[in-house]
Amino acid sequence: TLTSVKTVCSRLRTAVEALPANEQIFAKTQIEDVIDRHFTSE
């Protein structure tokens, strides 16, 4: 389960980083909160 959660979390961060710079900022502010609250706590 840890491996799966970490993989999804990494894929999520990679997908955000692949966005154009202007969209990346918006996505990071939205997604980082979800990652920090849910993925990291899990």
PDB file of all heavy atoms in Angstrom:
ATOM      1  N   THR A   1       0.836  -1.203   0.000  1.00  0.00           N
ATOM      2  CA  THR A   1       0.000   0.000   0.000  1.00  0.00           C
ATOM      3  C   THR A   1       0.868   1.250   0.000  1.00  0.00           C
ATOM      4  O   THR A   1       0.587   2.205  -0.740  1.00  0.00           O
ATOM      5  CB  THR A   1      -0.947   0.003   1.222  1.00  0.00           C
ATOM      6  OG1 THR A   1      -1.737  -1.178   1.192  1.00  0.00           O
ATOM      7  CG2 THR A   1      -1.838   1.219   1.224  1.00  0.00           C
ATOM      8  N   LEU A   2       1.917   1.257   0.829  1.00  0.00           N
ATOM      9  CA  LEU A   2       2.838   2.395   0.854  1.00  0.00           C
ATOM     10  C   LEU A   2       3.434   2.644  -0.525  1.00  0.00           C
ATOM     11  O   LEU A   2       3.496   3.787  -0.984  1.00  0.00           O
ATOM     12  CB  LEU A   2       3.978   2.132   1.843  1.00  0.00           C
ATOM     13  CG  LEU A   2       3.833   2.680   3.240  1.00  0.00           C
ATOM     14  CD1 LEU A   2       4.927   2.119   4.145  1.00  0.00           C
ATOM     15  CD2 LEU A   2       3.846   4.174   3.261  1.00  0.00           C
ATOM     16  N   THR A   3       3.853   1.586  -1.177  1.00  0.00           N
ATOM     17  CA  THR A   3       4.438   1.709  -2.513  1.00  0.00           C
ATOM     18  C   THR A   3       3.435   2.310  -3.485  1.00  0.00           C
ATOM     19  O   THR A   3       3.771   3.213  -4.253  1.00  0.00           O
ATOM     20  CB  THR A   3       4.924   0.328  -3.012  1.00  0.00           C
ATOM     21  OG1 THR A   3       5.881  -0.185  -2.078  1.00  0.00           O
ATOM     22  CG2 THR A   3       5.546   0.414  -4.382  1.00  0.00           C
ATOM     23  N   SER A   4       2.202   1.837  -3.435  1.00  0.00           N
ATOM     24  CA  SER A   4       1.160   2.356  -4.330  1.00  0.00           C
ATOM     25  C   SER A   4       0.874   3.833  -4.063  1.00  0.00           C
ATOM     26  O   SER A   4       0.780   4.631  -5.000  1.00  0.00           O
ATOM     27  CB  SER A   4      -0.134   1.562  -4.163  1.00  0.00           C
ATOM     28  OG  SER A   4       0.050   0.235  -4.551  1.00  0.00           O
ATOM     29  N   VAL A   5       0.736   4.193  -2.803  1.00  0.00           N
ATOM     30  CA  VAL A   5       0.438   5.586  -2.453  1.00  0.00           C
ATOM     31  C   VAL A   5       1.586   6.497  -2.890  1.00  0.00           C
ATOM     32  O   VAL A   5       1.366   7.566  -3.470  1.00  0.00           O
ATOM     33  CB  VAL A   5       0.148   5.734  -0.939  1.00  0.00           C
ATOM     34  CG1 VAL A   5       0.076   7.189  -0.529  1.00  0.00           C
ATOM     35  CG2 VAL A   5      -1.143   5.018  -0.580  1.00  0.00           C
ATOM     36  N   LYS A   6       2.815   6.060  -2.625  1.00  0.00           N
ATOM     37  CA  LYS A   6       3.971   6.872  -3.015  1.00  0.00           C
ATOM     38  C   LYS A   6       4.056   7.013  -4.537  1.00  0.00           C
ATOM     39  O   LYS A   6       4.391   8.085  -5.049  1.00  0.00           O
ATOM     40  CB  LYS A   6       5.265   6.248  -2.494  1.00  0.00           C
ATOM     41  CG  LYS A   6       5.463   6.417  -1.016  1.00  0.00           C
ATOM     42  CD  LYS A   6       6.757   5.727  -0.589  1.00  0.00           C
ATOM     43  CE  LYS A   6       7.025   5.844   0.870  1.00  0.00           C
ATOM     44  NZ  LYS A   6       8.283   5.160   1.254  1.00  0.00           N
ATOM     45  N   THR A   7       3.740   5.948  -5.266  1.00  0.00           N
ATOM     46  CA  THR A   7       3.767   5.987  -6.731  1.00  0.00           C
ATOM     47  C   THR A   7       2.749   6.979  -7.267  1.00  0.00           C
ATOM     48  O   THR A   7       3.064   7.796  -8.135  1.00  0.00           O
ATOM     49  CB  THR A   7       3.505   4.581  -7.313  1.00  0.00           C
ATOM     50  OG1 THR A   7       4.529   3.696  -6.845  1.00  0.00           O
ATOM     51  CG2 THR A   7       3.496   4.588  -8.824  1.00  0.00           C
ATOM     52  N   VAL A   8       1.536   6.925  -6.751  1.00  0.00           N
ATOM     53  CA  VAL A   8       0.489   7.854  -7.197  1.00  0.00           C
ATOM     54  C   VAL A   8       0.884   9.287  -6.856  1.00  0.00           C
ATOM     55  O   VAL A   8       0.727  10.205  -7.679  1.00  0.00           O
ATOM     56  CB  VAL A   8      -0.880   7.495  -6.583  1.00  0.00           C
ATOM     57  CG1 VAL A   8      -1.899   8.581  -6.839  1.00  0.00           C
ATOM     58  CG2 VAL A   8      -1.374   6.173  -7.135  1.00  0.00           C
ATOM     59  N   CYS A   9       1.412   9.488  -5.667  1.00  0.00           N
ATOM     60  CA  CYS A   9       1.841  10.820  -5.243  1.00  0.00           C
ATOM     61  C   CYS A   9       2.929  11.350  -6.188  1.00  0.00           C
ATOM     62  O   CYS A   9       2.873  12.503  -6.629  1.00  0.00           O
ATOM     63  CB  CYS A   9       2.357  10.745  -3.816  1.00  0.00           C
ATOM     64  SG  CYS A   9       2.658  12.331  -3.055  1.00  0.00           S
ATOM     65  N   SER A  10       3.877  10.513  -6.520  1.00  0.00           N
ATOM     66  CA  SER A  10       4.954  10.903  -7.430  1.00  0.00           C
ATOM     67  C   SER A  10       4.416  11.211  -8.826  1.00  0.00           C
ATOM     68  O   SER A  10       4.822  12.194  -9.460  1.00  0.00           O
ATOM     69  CB  SER A  10       5.991   9.783  -7.494  1.00  0.00           C
ATOM     70  OG  SER A  10       6.990  10.085  -8.419  1.00  0.00           O
ATOM     71  N   ARG A  11       3.498  10.385  -9.306  1.00  0.00           N
ATOM     72  CA  ARG A  11       2.893  10.617 -10.628  1.00  0.00           C
ATOM     73  C   ARG A  11       2.128  11.934 -10.644  1.00  0.00           C
ATOM     74  O   ARG A  11       2.138  12.657 -11.643  1.00  0.00           O
ATOM     75  CB  ARG A  11       1.988   9.453 -11.008  1.00  0.00           C
ATOM     76  CG  ARG A  11       2.776   8.197 -11.364  1.00  0.00           C
ATOM     77  CD  ARG A  11       1.917   6.996 -11.693  1.00  0.00           C
ATOM     78  NE  ARG A  11       0.809   7.317 -12.568  1.00  0.00           N
ATOM     79  CZ  ARG A  11      -0.358   6.680 -12.531  1.00  0.00           C
ATOM     80  NH1 ARG A  11      -0.561   5.706 -11.673  1.00  0.00           N
ATOM     81  NH2 ARG A  11      -1.317   7.025 -13.353  1.00  0.00           N
ATOM     82  N   LEU A  12       1.484  12.227  -9.537  1.00  0.00           N
ATOM     83  CA  LEU A  12       0.734  13.475  -9.424  1.00  0.00           C
ATOM     84  C   LEU A  12       1.676  14.678  -9.507  1.00  0.00           C
ATOM     85  O   LEU A  12       1.430  15.621 -10.257  1.00  0.00           O
ATOM     86  CB  LEU A  12      -0.018  13.469  -8.088  1.00  0.00           C
ATOM     87  CG  LEU A  12      -1.115  14.465  -7.841  1.00  0.00           C
ATOM     88  CD1 LEU A  12      -2.160  14.435  -8.945  1.00  0.00           C
ATOM     89  CD2 LEU A  12      -1.773  14.177  -6.500  1.00  0.00           C
ATOM     90  N   ARG A  13       2.767  14.619  -8.778  1.00  0.00           N
ATOM     91  CA  ARG A  13       3.745  15.714  -8.815  1.00  0.00           C
ATOM     92  C   ARG A  13       4.370  15.854 -10.206  1.00  0.00           C
ATOM     93  O   ARG A  13       4.562  16.960 -10.701  1.00  0.00           O
ATOM     94  CB  ARG A  13       4.832  15.486  -7.772  1.00  0.00           C
ATOM     95  CG  ARG A  13       4.358  15.668  -6.354  1.00  0.00           C
ATOM     96  CD  ARG A  13       5.520  15.502  -5.380  1.00  0.00           C
ATOM     97  NE  ARG A  13       5.093  15.303  -4.017  1.00  0.00           N
ATOM     98  CZ  ARG A  13       4.840  16.274  -3.148  1.00  0.00           C
ATOM     99  NH1 ARG A  13       4.958  17.530  -3.511  1.00  0.00           N
ATOM    100  NH2 ARG A  13       4.470  15.995  -1.918  1.00  0.00           N
ATOM    101  N   THR A  14       4.664  14.725 -10.849  1.00  0.00           N
ATOM    102  CA  THR A  14       5.248  14.740 -12.191  1.00  0.00           C
ATOM    103  C   THR A  14       4.278  15.355 -13.196  1.00  0.00           C
ATOM    104  O   THR A  14       4.679  16.136 -14.061  1.00  0.00           O
ATOM    105  CB  THR A  14       5.640  13.309 -12.633  1.00  0.00           C
ATOM    106  OG1 THR A  14       6.583  12.802 -11.688  1.00  0.00           O
ATOM    107  CG2 THR A  14       6.238  13.282 -14.016  1.00  0.00           C
ATOM    108  N   ALA A  15       2.993  15.011 -13.059  1.00  0.00           N
ATOM    109  CA  ALA A  15       1.980  15.560 -13.968  1.00  0.00           C
ATOM    110  C   ALA A  15       1.879  17.078 -13.809  1.00  0.00           C
ATOM    111  O   ALA A  15       1.750  17.808 -14.799  1.00  0.00           O
ATOM    112  CB  ALA A  15       0.627  14.913 -13.704  1.00  0.00           C
ATOM    113  N   VAL A  16       1.971  17.556 -12.588  1.00  0.00           N
ATOM    114  CA  VAL A  16       1.912  19.003 -12.342  1.00  0.00           C
ATOM    115  C   VAL A  16       3.142  19.680 -12.938  1.00  0.00           C
ATOM    116  O   VAL A  16       3.046  20.733 -13.578  1.00  0.00           O
ATOM    117  CB  VAL A  16       1.788  19.312 -10.830  1.00  0.00           C
ATOM    118  CG1 VAL A  16       2.005  20.790 -10.549  1.00  0.00           C
ATOM    119  CG2 VAL A  16       0.421  18.871 -10.319  1.00  0.00           C
ATOM    120  N   GLU A  17       4.297  19.076 -12.755  1.00  0.00           N
ATOM    121  CA  GLU A  17       5.538  19.657 -13.272  1.00  0.00           C
ATOM    122  C   GLU A  17       5.578  19.675 -14.806  1.00  0.00           C
ATOM    123  O   GLU A  17       6.293  20.481 -15.400  1.00  0.00           O
ATOM    124  CB  GLU A  17       6.747  18.910 -12.717  1.00  0.00           C
ATOM    125  CG  GLU A  17       6.952  19.174 -11.234  1.00  0.00           C
ATOM    126  CD  GLU A  17       8.019  18.283 -10.628  1.00  0.00           C
ATOM    127  OE1 GLU A  17       8.738  17.590 -11.369  1.00  0.00           O
ATOM    128  OE2 GLU A  17       8.129  18.290  -9.385  1.00  0.00           O
ATOM    129  N   ALA A  18       4.806  18.821 -15.441  1.00  0.00           N
ATOM    130  CA  ALA A  18       4.776  18.762 -16.903  1.00  0.00           C
ATOM    131  C   ALA A  18       3.891  19.850 -17.517  1.00  0.00           C
ATOM    132  O   ALA A  18       3.933  20.079 -18.732  1.00  0.00           O
ATOM    133  CB  ALA A  18       4.287  17.387 -17.363  1.00  0.00           C
ATOM    134  N   LEU A  19       3.118  20.511 -16.702  1.00  0.00           N
ATOM    135  CA  LEU A  19       2.238  21.580 -17.197  1.00  0.00           C
ATOM    136  C   LEU A  19       3.054  22.815 -17.588  1.00  0.00           C
ATOM    137  O   LEU A  19       4.158  23.018 -17.089  1.00  0.00           O
ATOM    138  CB  LEU A  19       1.238  21.981 -16.103  1.00  0.00           C
ATOM    139  CG  LEU A  19       0.177  20.953 -15.720  1.00  0.00           C
ATOM    140  CD1 LEU A  19      -0.577  21.435 -14.485  1.00  0.00           C
ATOM    141  CD2 LEU A  19      -0.770  20.698 -16.867  1.00  0.00           C
ATOM    142  N   PRO A  20       2.486  23.653 -18.450  1.00  0.00           N
ATOM    143  CA  PRO A  20       3.140  24.936 -18.750  1.00  0.00           C
ATOM    144  C   PRO A  20       3.289  25.746 -17.451  1.00  0.00           C
ATOM    145  O   PRO A  20       2.505  25.584 -16.514  1.00  0.00           O
ATOM    146  CB  PRO A  20       2.175  25.628 -19.721  1.00  0.00           C
ATOM    147  CG  PRO A  20       1.308  24.535 -20.263  1.00  0.00           C
ATOM    148  CD  PRO A  20       1.265  23.465 -19.218  1.00  0.00           C
ATOM    149  N   ALA A  21       4.273  26.632 -17.412  1.00  0.00           N
ATOM    150  CA  ALA A  21       4.623  27.371 -16.193  1.00  0.00           C
ATOM    151  C   ALA A  21       3.434  28.085 -15.561  1.00  0.00           C
ATOM    152  O   ALA A  21       3.240  28.026 -14.339  1.00  0.00           O
ATOM    153  CB  ALA A  21       5.737  28.358 -16.493  1.00  0.00           C
ATOM    154  N   ASN A  22       2.610  28.752 -16.357  1.00  0.00           N
ATOM    155  CA  ASN A  22       1.479  29.510 -15.791  1.00  0.00           C
ATOM    156  C   ASN A  22       0.423  28.576 -15.171  1.00  0.00           C
ATOM    157  O   ASN A  22      -0.197  28.909 -14.176  1.00  0.00           O
ATOM    158  CB  ASN A  22       0.857  30.445 -16.834  1.00  0.00           C
ATOM    159  CG  ASN A  22       0.322  29.700 -18.038  1.00  0.00           C
ATOM    160  OD1 ASN A  22       0.763  28.598 -18.356  1.00  0.00           O
ATOM    161  ND2 ASN A  22      -0.617  30.324 -18.725  1.00  0.00           N
ATOM    162  N   GLU A  23       0.214  27.408 -15.758  1.00  0.00           N
ATOM    163  CA  GLU A  23      -0.737  26.446 -15.201  1.00  0.00           C
ATOM    164  C   GLU A  23      -0.128  25.700 -14.013  1.00  0.00           C
ATOM    165  O   GLU A  23      -0.843  25.275 -13.109  1.00  0.00           O
ATOM    166  CB  GLU A  23      -1.170  25.450 -16.278  1.00  0.00           C
ATOM    167  CG  GLU A  23      -2.000  26.082 -17.380  1.00  0.00           C
ATOM    168  CD  GLU A  23      -2.334  25.091 -18.490  1.00  0.00           C
ATOM    169  OE1 GLU A  23      -2.133  23.868 -18.288  1.00  0.00           O
ATOM    170  OE2 GLU A  23      -2.788  25.543 -19.550  1.00  0.00           O
ATOM    171  N   GLN A  24       1.185  25.561 -14.040  1.00  0.00           N
ATOM    172  CA  GLN A  24       1.893  24.853 -12.978  1.00  0.00           C
ATOM    173  C   GLN A  24       1.709  25.537 -11.626  1.00  0.00           C
ATOM    174  O   GLN A  24       1.478  24.880 -10.618  1.00  0.00           O
ATOM    175  CB  GLN A  24       3.384  24.810 -13.336  1.00  0.00           C
ATOM    176  CG  GLN A  24       4.056  23.525 -12.974  1.00  0.00           C
ATOM    177  CD  GLN A  24       5.505  23.560 -13.358  1.00  0.00           C
ATOM    178  OE1 GLN A  24       6.292  24.140 -12.629  1.00  0.00           O
ATOM    179  NE2 GLN A  24       5.844  22.957 -14.488  1.00  0.00           N
ATOM    180  N   ILE A  25       1.775  26.844 -11.632  1.00  0.00           N
ATOM    181  CA  ILE A  25       1.620  27.601 -10.385  1.00  0.00           C
ATOM    182  C   ILE A  25       0.242  27.354  -9.777  1.00  0.00           C
ATOM    183  O   ILE A  25       0.111  27.062  -8.597  1.00  0.00           O
ATOM    184  CB  ILE A  25       1.857  29.110 -10.630  1.00  0.00           C
ATOM    185  CG1 ILE A  25       3.311  29.343 -11.029  1.00  0.00           C
ATOM    186  CG2 ILE A  25       1.486  29.929  -9.404  1.00  0.00           C
ATOM    187  CD1 ILE A  25       3.590  30.734 -11.561  1.00  0.00           C
ATOM    188  N   PHE A  26      -0.790  27.456 -10.620  1.00  0.00           N
ATOM    189  CA  PHE A  26      -2.153  27.215 -10.138  1.00  0.00           C
ATOM    190  C   PHE A  26      -2.300  25.779  -9.638  1.00  0.00           C
ATOM    191  O   PHE A  26      -2.820  25.537  -8.541  1.00  0.00           O
ATOM    192  CB  PHE A  26      -3.173  27.490 -11.258  1.00  0.00           C
ATOM    193  CG  PHE A  26      -4.567  27.146 -10.869  1.00  0.00           C
ATOM    194  CD1 PHE A  26      -5.304  27.984 -10.031  1.00  0.00           C
ATOM    195  CD2 PHE A  26      -5.163  25.975 -11.320  1.00  0.00           C
ATOM    196  CE1 PHE A  26      -6.594  27.660  -9.656  1.00  0.00           C
ATOM    197  CE2 PHE A  26      -6.454  25.646 -10.944  1.00  0.00           C
ATOM    198  CZ  PHE A  26      -7.171  26.493 -10.118  1.00  0.00           C
ATOM    199  N   ALA A  27      -1.822  24.821 -10.429  1.00  0.00           N
ATOM    200  CA  ALA A  27      -1.958  23.400 -10.064  1.00  0.00           C
ATOM    201  C   ALA A  27      -1.199  23.098  -8.766  1.00  0.00           C
ATOM    202  O   ALA A  27      -1.705  22.374  -7.908  1.00  0.00           O
ATOM    203  CB  ALA A  27      -1.461  22.515 -11.190  1.00  0.00           C
ATOM    204  N   LYS A  28      -0.002  23.670  -8.631  1.00  0.00           N
ATOM    205  CA  LYS A  28       0.781  23.417  -7.421  1.00  0.00           C
ATOM    206  C   LYS A  28       0.071  23.925  -6.175  1.00  0.00           C
ATOM    207  O   LYS A  28       0.059  23.246  -5.147  1.00  0.00           O
ATOM    208  CB  LYS A  28       2.170  24.043  -7.528  1.00  0.00           C
ATOM    209  CG  LYS A  28       3.137  23.205  -8.319  1.00  0.00           C
ATOM    210  CD  LYS A  28       4.526  23.807  -8.273  1.00  0.00           C
ATOM    211  CE  LYS A  28       5.478  22.909  -9.059  1.00  0.00           C
ATOM    212  NZ  LYS A  28       6.845  23.424  -9.038  1.00  0.00           N
ATOM    213  N   THR A  29      -0.533  25.092  -6.265  1.00  0.00           N
ATOM    214  CA  THR A  29      -1.217  25.617  -5.086  1.00  0.00           C
ATOM    215  C   THR A  29      -2.424  24.758  -4.717  1.00  0.00           C
ATOM    216  O   THR A  29      -2.743  24.609  -3.543  1.00  0.00           O
ATOM    217  CB  THR A  29      -1.668  27.080  -5.278  1.00  0.00           C
ATOM    218  OG1 THR A  29      -2.547  27.157  -6.395  1.00  0.00           O
ATOM    219  CG2 THR A  29      -0.492  28.004  -5.453  1.00  0.00           C
ATOM    220  N   GLN A  30      -3.069  24.185  -5.715  1.00  0.00           N
ATOM    221  CA  GLN A  30      -4.235  23.340  -5.456  1.00  0.00           C
ATOM    222  C   GLN A  30      -3.825  21.916  -5.055  1.00  0.00           C
ATOM    223  O   GLN A  30      -4.363  21.358  -4.110  1.00  0.00           O
ATOM    224  CB  GLN A  30      -5.129  23.280  -6.704  1.00  0.00           C
ATOM    225  CG  GLN A  30      -5.632  24.617  -7.177  1.00  0.00           C
ATOM    226  CD  GLN A  30      -6.470  25.314  -6.123  1.00  0.00           C
ATOM    227  OE1 GLN A  30      -7.366  24.727  -5.552  1.00  0.00           O
ATOM    228  NE2 GLN A  30      -6.156  26.571  -5.851  1.00  0.00           N
ATOM    229  N   ILE A  31      -2.903  21.357  -5.804  1.00  0.00           N
ATOM    230  CA  ILE A  31      -2.519  19.953  -5.626  1.00  0.00           C
ATOM    231  C   ILE A  31      -1.636  19.741  -4.393  1.00  0.00           C
ATOM    232  O   ILE A  31      -1.803  18.766  -3.675  1.00  0.00           O
ATOM    233  CB  ILE A  31      -1.780  19.422  -6.881  1.00  0.00           C
ATOM    234  CG1 ILE A  31      -2.646  19.570  -8.118  1.00  0.00           C
ATOM    235  CG2 ILE A  31      -1.323  18.001  -6.686  1.00  0.00           C
ATOM    236  CD1 ILE A  31      -3.814  18.642  -8.210  1.00  0.00           C
ATOM    237  N   GLU A  32      -0.696  20.651  -4.143  1.00  0.00           N
ATOM    238  CA  GLU A  32       0.208  20.479  -2.999  1.00  0.00           C
ATOM    239  C   GLU A  32      -0.580  20.346  -1.699  1.00  0.00           C
ATOM    240  O   GLU A  32      -0.212  19.552  -0.835  1.00  0.00           O
ATOM    241  CB  GLU A  32       1.194  21.654  -2.898  1.00  0.00           C
ATOM    242  CG  GLU A  32       2.230  21.706  -3.992  1.00  0.00           C
ATOM    243  CD  GLU A  32       3.200  20.535  -3.987  1.00  0.00           C
ATOM    244  OE1 GLU A  32       3.551  20.061  -2.886  1.00  0.00           O
ATOM    245  OE2 GLU A  32       3.592  20.106  -5.077  1.00  0.00           O
ATOM    246  N   ASP A  33      -1.655  21.097  -1.576  1.00  0.00           N
ATOM    247  CA  ASP A  33      -2.469  21.008  -0.368  1.00  0.00           C
ATOM    248  C   ASP A  33      -3.074  19.612  -0.223  1.00  0.00           C
ATOM    249  O   ASP A  33      -3.091  19.033   0.856  1.00  0.00           O
ATOM    250  CB  ASP A  33      -3.559  22.080  -0.396  1.00  0.00           C
ATOM    251  CG  ASP A  33      -4.368  22.095   0.883  1.00  0.00           C
ATOM    252  OD1 ASP A  33      -3.744  22.124   1.967  1.00  0.00           O
ATOM    253  OD2 ASP A  33      -5.610  22.072   0.800  1.00  0.00           O
ATOM    254  N   VAL A  34      -3.591  19.082  -1.325  1.00  0.00           N
ATOM    255  CA  VAL A  34      -4.173  17.735  -1.307  1.00  0.00           C
ATOM    256  C   VAL A  34      -3.098  16.708  -0.959  1.00  0.00           C
ATOM    257  O   VAL A  34      -3.308  15.818  -0.132  1.00  0.00           O
ATOM    258  CB  VAL A  34      -4.826  17.394  -2.676  1.00  0.00           C
ATOM    259  CG1 VAL A  34      -5.199  15.931  -2.753  1.00  0.00           C
ATOM    260  CG2 VAL A  34      -6.030  18.277  -2.914  1.00  0.00           C
ATOM    261  N   ILE A  35      -1.932  16.842  -1.589  1.00  0.00           N
ATOM    262  CA  ILE A  35      -0.837  15.905  -1.322  1.00  0.00           C
ATOM    263  C   ILE A  35      -0.435  15.984   0.150  1.00  0.00           C
ATOM    264  O   ILE A  35      -0.309  14.960   0.826  1.00  0.00           O
ATOM    265  CB  ILE A  35       0.375  16.192  -2.242  1.00  0.00           C
ATOM    266  CG1 ILE A  35       0.032  15.802  -3.684  1.00  0.00           C
ATOM    267  CG2 ILE A  35       1.609  15.435  -1.762  1.00  0.00           C
ATOM    268  CD1 ILE A  35       1.081  16.212  -4.701  1.00  0.00           C
ATOM    269  N   ASP A  36      -0.254  17.191   0.643  1.00  0.00           N
ATOM    270  CA  ASP A  36       0.176  17.349   2.031  1.00  0.00           C
ATOM    271  C   ASP A  36      -0.861  16.834   3.029  1.00  0.00           C
ATOM    272  O   ASP A  36      -0.516  16.158   3.987  1.00  0.00           O
ATOM    273  CB  ASP A  36       0.495  18.819   2.343  1.00  0.00           C
ATOM    274  CG  ASP A  36       1.776  19.271   1.669  1.00  0.00           C
ATOM    275  OD1 ASP A  36       2.581  18.401   1.276  1.00  0.00           O
ATOM    276  OD2 ASP A  36       1.969  20.489   1.524  1.00  0.00           O
ATOM    277  N   ARG A  37      -2.107  17.142   2.798  1.00  0.00           N
ATOM    278  CA  ARG A  37      -3.137  16.744   3.758  1.00  0.00           C
ATOM    279  C   ARG A  37      -3.477  15.267   3.690  1.00  0.00           C
ATOM    280  O   ARG A  37      -3.657  14.627   4.712  1.00  0.00           O
ATOM    281  CB  ARG A  37      -4.407  17.562   3.553  1.00  0.00           C
ATOM    282  CG  ARG A  37      -4.405  18.843   4.350  1.00  0.00           C
ATOM    283  CD  ARG A  37      -5.748  19.502   4.408  1.00  0.00           C
ATOM    284  NE  ARG A  37      -6.077  20.031   3.078  1.00  0.00           N
ATOM    285  CZ  ARG A  37      -7.292  20.014   2.552  1.00  0.00           C
ATOM    286  NH1 ARG A  37      -8.280  19.536   3.223  1.00  0.00           N
ATOM    287  NH2 ARG A  37      -7.508  20.510   1.363  1.00  0.00           N
ATOM    288  N   HIS A  38      -3.608  14.738   2.493  1.00  0.00           N
ATOM    289  CA  HIS A  38      -4.118  13.375   2.360  1.00  0.00           C
ATOM    290  C   HIS A  38      -3.022  12.334   2.154  1.00  0.00           C
ATOM    291  O   HIS A  38      -2.926  11.374   2.912  1.00  0.00           O
ATOM    292  CB  HIS A  38      -5.147  13.307   1.230  1.00  0.00           C
ATOM    293  CG  HIS A  38      -6.320  14.189   1.480  1.00  0.00           C
ATOM    294  ND1 HIS A  38      -7.249  13.928   2.450  1.00  0.00           N
ATOM    295  CD2 HIS A  38      -6.703  15.362   0.918  1.00  0.00           C
ATOM    296  CE1 HIS A  38      -8.160  14.890   2.472  1.00  0.00           C
ATOM    297  NE2 HIS A  38      -7.853  15.769   1.541  1.00  0.00           N
ATOM    298  N   PHE A  39      -2.228  12.514   1.126  1.00  0.00           N
ATOM    299  CA  PHE A  39      -1.210  11.517   0.814  1.00  0.00           C
ATOM    300  C   PHE A  39      -0.166  11.422   1.924  1.00  0.00           C
ATOM    301  O   PHE A  39       0.141  10.328   2.395  1.00  0.00           O
ATOM    302  CB  PHE A  39      -0.529  11.829  -0.526  1.00  0.00           C
ATOM    303  CG  PHE A  39      -1.380  11.498  -1.718  1.00  0.00           C
ATOM    304  CD1 PHE A  39      -2.261  12.432  -2.235  1.00  0.00           C
ATOM    305  CD2 PHE A  39      -1.310  10.258  -2.323  1.00  0.00           C
ATOM    306  CE1 PHE A  39      -3.054  12.138  -3.328  1.00  0.00           C
ATOM    307  CE2 PHE A  39      -2.093   9.948  -3.410  1.00  0.00           C
ATOM    308  CZ  PHE A  39      -2.972  10.892  -3.923  1.00  0.00           C
ATOM    309  N   THR A  40       0.360  12.561   2.351  1.00  0.00           N
ATOM    310  CA  THR A  40       1.408  12.548   3.367  1.00  0.00           C
ATOM    311  C   THR A  40       0.888  11.989   4.684  1.00  0.00           C
ATOM    312  O   THR A  40       1.574  11.196   5.336  1.00  0.00           O
ATOM    313  CB  THR A  40       1.996  13.961   3.559  1.00  0.00           C
ATOM    314  OG1 THR A  40       2.460  14.433   2.288  1.00  0.00           O
ATOM    315  CG2 THR A  40       3.143  13.958   4.540  1.00  0.00           C
ATOM    316  N   SER A  41      -0.310  12.364   5.068  1.00  0.00           N
ATOM    317  CA  SER A  41      -0.843  11.835   6.328  1.00  0.00           C
ATOM    318  C   SER A  41      -1.094  10.331   6.228  1.00  0.00           C
ATOM    319  O   SER A  41      -0.855   9.588   7.186  1.00  0.00           O
ATOM    320  CB  SER A  41      -2.107  12.579   6.755  1.00  0.00           C
ATOM    321  OG  SER A  41      -3.161  12.326   5.877  1.00  0.00           O
ATOM    322  N   GLU A  42      -1.542   9.859   5.080  1.00  0.00           N
ATOM    323  CA  GLU A  42      -1.756   8.418   4.892  1.00  0.00           C
ATOM    324  C   GLU A  42      -0.428   7.669   4.928  1.00  0.00           C
ATOM    325  O   GLU A  42      -0.313   6.615   5.555  1.00  0.00           O
ATOM    326  CB  GLU A  42      -2.474   8.151   3.565  1.00  0.00           C
ATOM    327  CG  GLU A  42      -2.826   6.697   3.349  1.00  0.00           C
ATOM    328  CD  GLU A  42      -3.826   6.141   4.355  1.00  0.00           C
ATOM    329  OE1 GLU A  42      -4.626   6.905   4.917  1.00  0.00           O
ATOM    330  OE2 GLU A  42      -3.798   4.923   4.586  1.00  0.00           O
TER     331      GLU A  42
END
